[in-house]
Amino acid sequence: MSITQNFDSENHKLVITVTGSFNFSEYRSFRDAYKNITADKKLDISVNLSQTEYMDSSALGMLLLLDEHFNTQRINIVNCSDYIKQVFNIANFSQKFNIS
């Protein structure tokens, strides 16, 4: 279980990658991955879930907090497994995020 962040200020890109289980135990690490980055309309924000095996409802809440922090941008949630896509469909997250 880990959260990694890759922020490229020159190219205005932020990628947060979640490995393993995405649950409340990752709250602090997930928040730390973006809390010091200022919202900027040029910023391209992605959450990479290619290595995420499981997520629970607290992960959905953390994604909503991320969305609140960057309230002017639409966030991309990328590389989702079928299971993760199903969780997002049930939660109707496609209304708020770009999911692929």
C-alpha atoms as a PDB file:
ATOM      1  CA  MET A   1       0.000   0.000   0.000  1.00  0.00           C
ATOM      2  CA  SER A   2       1.451   3.282  -1.023  1.00  0.00           C
ATOM      3  CA  ILE A   3       0.686   6.639  -2.529  1.00  0.00           C
ATOM      4  CA  THR A   4       3.186   8.303  -4.844  1.00  0.00           C
ATOM      5  CA  GLN A   5       3.035  11.714  -6.401  1.00  0.00           C
ATOM      6  CA  ASN A   6       4.653  13.062  -9.537  1.00  0.00           C
ATOM      7  CA  PHE A   7       4.261  16.824  -9.927  1.00  0.00           C
ATOM      8  CA  ASP A   8       5.679  18.528 -12.990  1.00  0.00           C
ATOM      9  CA  SER A   9       5.168  22.269 -12.530  1.00  0.00           C
ATOM     10  CA  GLU A  10       6.663  23.145 -15.930  1.00  0.00           C
ATOM     11  CA  ASN A  11       4.162  20.993 -17.811  1.00  0.00           C
ATOM     12  CA  HIS A  12       1.334  21.574 -15.306  1.00  0.00           C
ATOM     13  CA  LYS A  13       0.801  17.884 -14.517  1.00  0.00           C
ATOM     14  CA  LEU A  14       0.058  16.109 -11.267  1.00  0.00           C
ATOM     15  CA  VAL A  15      -0.200  12.323 -11.138  1.00  0.00           C
ATOM     16  CA  ILE A  16      -1.077  10.543  -7.911  1.00  0.00           C
ATOM     17  CA  THR A  17      -0.608   6.763  -8.041  1.00  0.00           C
ATOM     18  CA  VAL A  18      -2.278   4.410  -5.582  1.00  0.00           C
ATOM     19  CA  THR A  19      -0.740   0.967  -5.105  1.00  0.00           C
ATOM     20  CA  GLY A  20      -2.495  -1.860  -3.260  1.00  0.00           C
ATOM     21  CA  SER A  21      -5.578  -1.081  -1.184  1.00  0.00           C
ATOM     22  CA  PHE A  22      -7.053   2.397  -1.285  1.00  0.00           C
ATOM     23  CA  ASN A  23      -8.674   2.836   2.130  1.00  0.00           C
ATOM     24  CA  PHE A  24      -8.634   5.086   5.176  1.00  0.00           C
ATOM     25  CA  SER A  25      -5.128   4.004   6.167  1.00  0.00           C
ATOM     26  CA  GLU A  26      -3.919   5.956   3.097  1.00  0.00           C
ATOM     27  CA  TYR A  27      -5.730   9.176   4.035  1.00  0.00           C
ATOM     28  CA  ARG A  28      -2.706  11.138   5.246  1.00  0.00           C
ATOM     29  CA  SER A  29      -0.446  10.013   2.376  1.00  0.00           C
ATOM     30  CA  PHE A  30      -3.127  10.766  -0.213  1.00  0.00           C
ATOM     31  CA  ARG A  31      -3.815  14.228   1.213  1.00  0.00           C
ATOM     32  CA  ASP A  32      -0.086  14.987   1.453  1.00  0.00           C
ATOM     33  CA  ALA A  33       0.250  14.194  -2.257  1.00  0.00           C
ATOM     34  CA  TYR A  34      -1.734  17.295  -3.216  1.00  0.00           C
ATOM     35  CA  LYS A  35      -2.276  19.609  -0.238  1.00  0.00           C
ATOM     36  CA  ASN A  36       0.666  21.929  -1.016  1.00  0.00           C
ATOM     37  CA  ILE A  37      -0.191  22.271  -4.701  1.00  0.00           C
ATOM     38  CA  THR A  38      -2.143  25.367  -5.599  1.00  0.00           C
ATOM     39  CA  ALA A  39      -5.184  25.007  -7.806  1.00  0.00           C
ATOM     40  CA  ASP A  40      -4.408  26.253 -11.300  1.00  0.00           C
ATOM     41  CA  LYS A  41      -6.747  26.026 -14.275  1.00  0.00           C
ATOM     42  CA  LYS A  42      -3.840  24.832 -16.438  1.00  0.00           C
ATOM     43  CA  LEU A  43      -3.084  21.920 -14.109  1.00  0.00           C
ATOM     44  CA  ASP A  44      -3.827  18.433 -15.471  1.00  0.00           C
ATOM     45  CA  ILE A  45      -4.642  16.177 -12.511  1.00  0.00           C
ATOM     46  CA  SER A  46      -4.733  12.383 -12.726  1.00  0.00           C
ATOM     47  CA  VAL A  47      -5.181   9.628 -10.174  1.00  0.00           C
ATOM     48  CA  ASN A  48      -3.584   6.461 -11.526  1.00  0.00           C
ATOM     49  CA  LEU A  49      -5.278   3.320 -10.204  1.00  0.00           C
ATOM     50  CA  SER A  50      -3.464   0.795 -12.397  1.00  0.00           C
ATOM     51  CA  GLN A  51      -1.949  -0.847  -9.314  1.00  0.00           C
ATOM     52  CA  THR A  52      -4.972  -0.497  -7.038  1.00  0.00           C
ATOM     53  CA  GLU A  53      -6.405  -3.853  -6.005  1.00  0.00           C
ATOM     54  CA  TYR A  54      -9.179  -2.703  -3.696  1.00  0.00           C
ATOM     55  CA  MET A  55     -10.917   0.481  -2.621  1.00  0.00           C
ATOM     56  CA  ASP A  56     -13.596   1.228  -0.062  1.00  0.00           C
ATOM     57  CA  SER A  57     -15.994   4.073   0.632  1.00  0.00           C
ATOM     58  CA  SER A  58     -13.322   6.115   2.428  1.00  0.00           C
ATOM     59  CA  ALA A  59     -11.357   6.197  -0.844  1.00  0.00           C
ATOM     60  CA  LEU A  60     -14.406   7.709  -2.522  1.00  0.00           C
ATOM     61  CA  GLY A  61     -14.440  10.367   0.188  1.00  0.00           C
ATOM     62  CA  MET A  62     -10.744  11.088  -0.327  1.00  0.00           C
ATOM     63  CA  LEU A  63     -11.342  11.573  -4.048  1.00  0.00           C
ATOM     64  CA  LEU A  64     -14.143  14.012  -3.252  1.00  0.00           C
ATOM     65  CA  LEU A  65     -11.757  15.959  -0.997  1.00  0.00           C
ATOM     66  CA  LEU A  66      -9.241  16.047  -3.864  1.00  0.00           C
ATOM     67  CA  ASP A  67     -11.980  17.403  -6.124  1.00  0.00           C
ATOM     68  CA  GLU A  68     -12.858  20.024  -3.519  1.00  0.00           C
ATOM     69  CA  HIS A  69      -9.219  21.135  -3.274  1.00  0.00           C
ATOM     70  CA  PHE A  70      -8.958  21.559  -7.064  1.00  0.00           C
ATOM     71  CA  ASN A  71     -12.495  22.814  -7.523  1.00  0.00           C
ATOM     72  CA  THR A  72     -11.925  24.428 -10.928  1.00  0.00           C
ATOM     73  CA  GLN A  73     -10.493  21.365 -12.684  1.00  0.00           C
ATOM     74  CA  ARG A  74     -12.020  18.086 -13.747  1.00  0.00           C
ATOM     75  CA  ILE A  75      -9.894  15.272 -12.367  1.00  0.00           C
ATOM     76  CA  ASN A  76      -8.961  12.214 -14.418  1.00  0.00           C
ATOM     77  CA  ILE A  77      -9.091   8.816 -12.729  1.00  0.00           C
ATOM     78  CA  VAL A  78      -7.152   6.533 -15.035  1.00  0.00           C
ATOM     79  CA  ASN A  79      -6.232   2.875 -15.538  1.00  0.00           C
ATOM     80  CA  CYS A  80      -9.116   1.502 -13.488  1.00  0.00           C
ATOM     81  CA  SER A  81      -9.788  -2.208 -13.252  1.00  0.00           C
ATOM     82  CA  ASP A  82     -13.293  -3.435 -14.045  1.00  0.00           C
ATOM     83  CA  TYR A  83     -13.944  -3.798 -10.301  1.00  0.00           C
ATOM     84  CA  ILE A  84     -12.927  -0.176  -9.624  1.00  0.00           C
ATOM     85  CA  LYS A  85     -15.010   1.089 -12.564  1.00  0.00           C
ATOM     86  CA  GLN A  86     -17.987  -0.768 -11.116  1.00  0.00           C
ATOM     87  CA  VAL A  87     -17.487   0.961  -7.744  1.00  0.00           C
ATOM     88  CA  PHE A  88     -17.396   4.340  -9.513  1.00  0.00           C
ATOM     89  CA  ASN A  89     -20.511   3.521 -11.532  1.00  0.00           C
ATOM     90  CA  ILE A  90     -22.442   2.579  -8.393  1.00  0.00           C
ATOM     91  CA  ALA A  91     -21.308   5.818  -6.712  1.00  0.00           C
ATOM     92  CA  ASN A  92     -22.148   7.823  -9.869  1.00  0.00           C
ATOM     93  CA  PHE A  93     -18.644   9.327  -9.923  1.00  0.00           C
ATOM     94  CA  SER A  94     -18.664   9.819 -13.678  1.00  0.00           C
ATOM     95  CA  GLN A  95     -20.684  12.989 -12.969  1.00  0.00           C
ATOM     96  CA  LYS A  96     -17.664  14.533 -11.237  1.00  0.00           C
ATOM     97  CA  PHE A  97     -14.583  12.784 -12.664  1.00  0.00           C
ATOM     98  CA  ASN A  98     -13.258  11.559 -16.009  1.00  0.00           C
ATOM     99  CA  ILE A  99     -12.934   7.802 -15.475  1.00  0.00           C
ATOM    100  CA  SER A 100     -11.027   5.431 -17.740  1.00  0.00           C
END
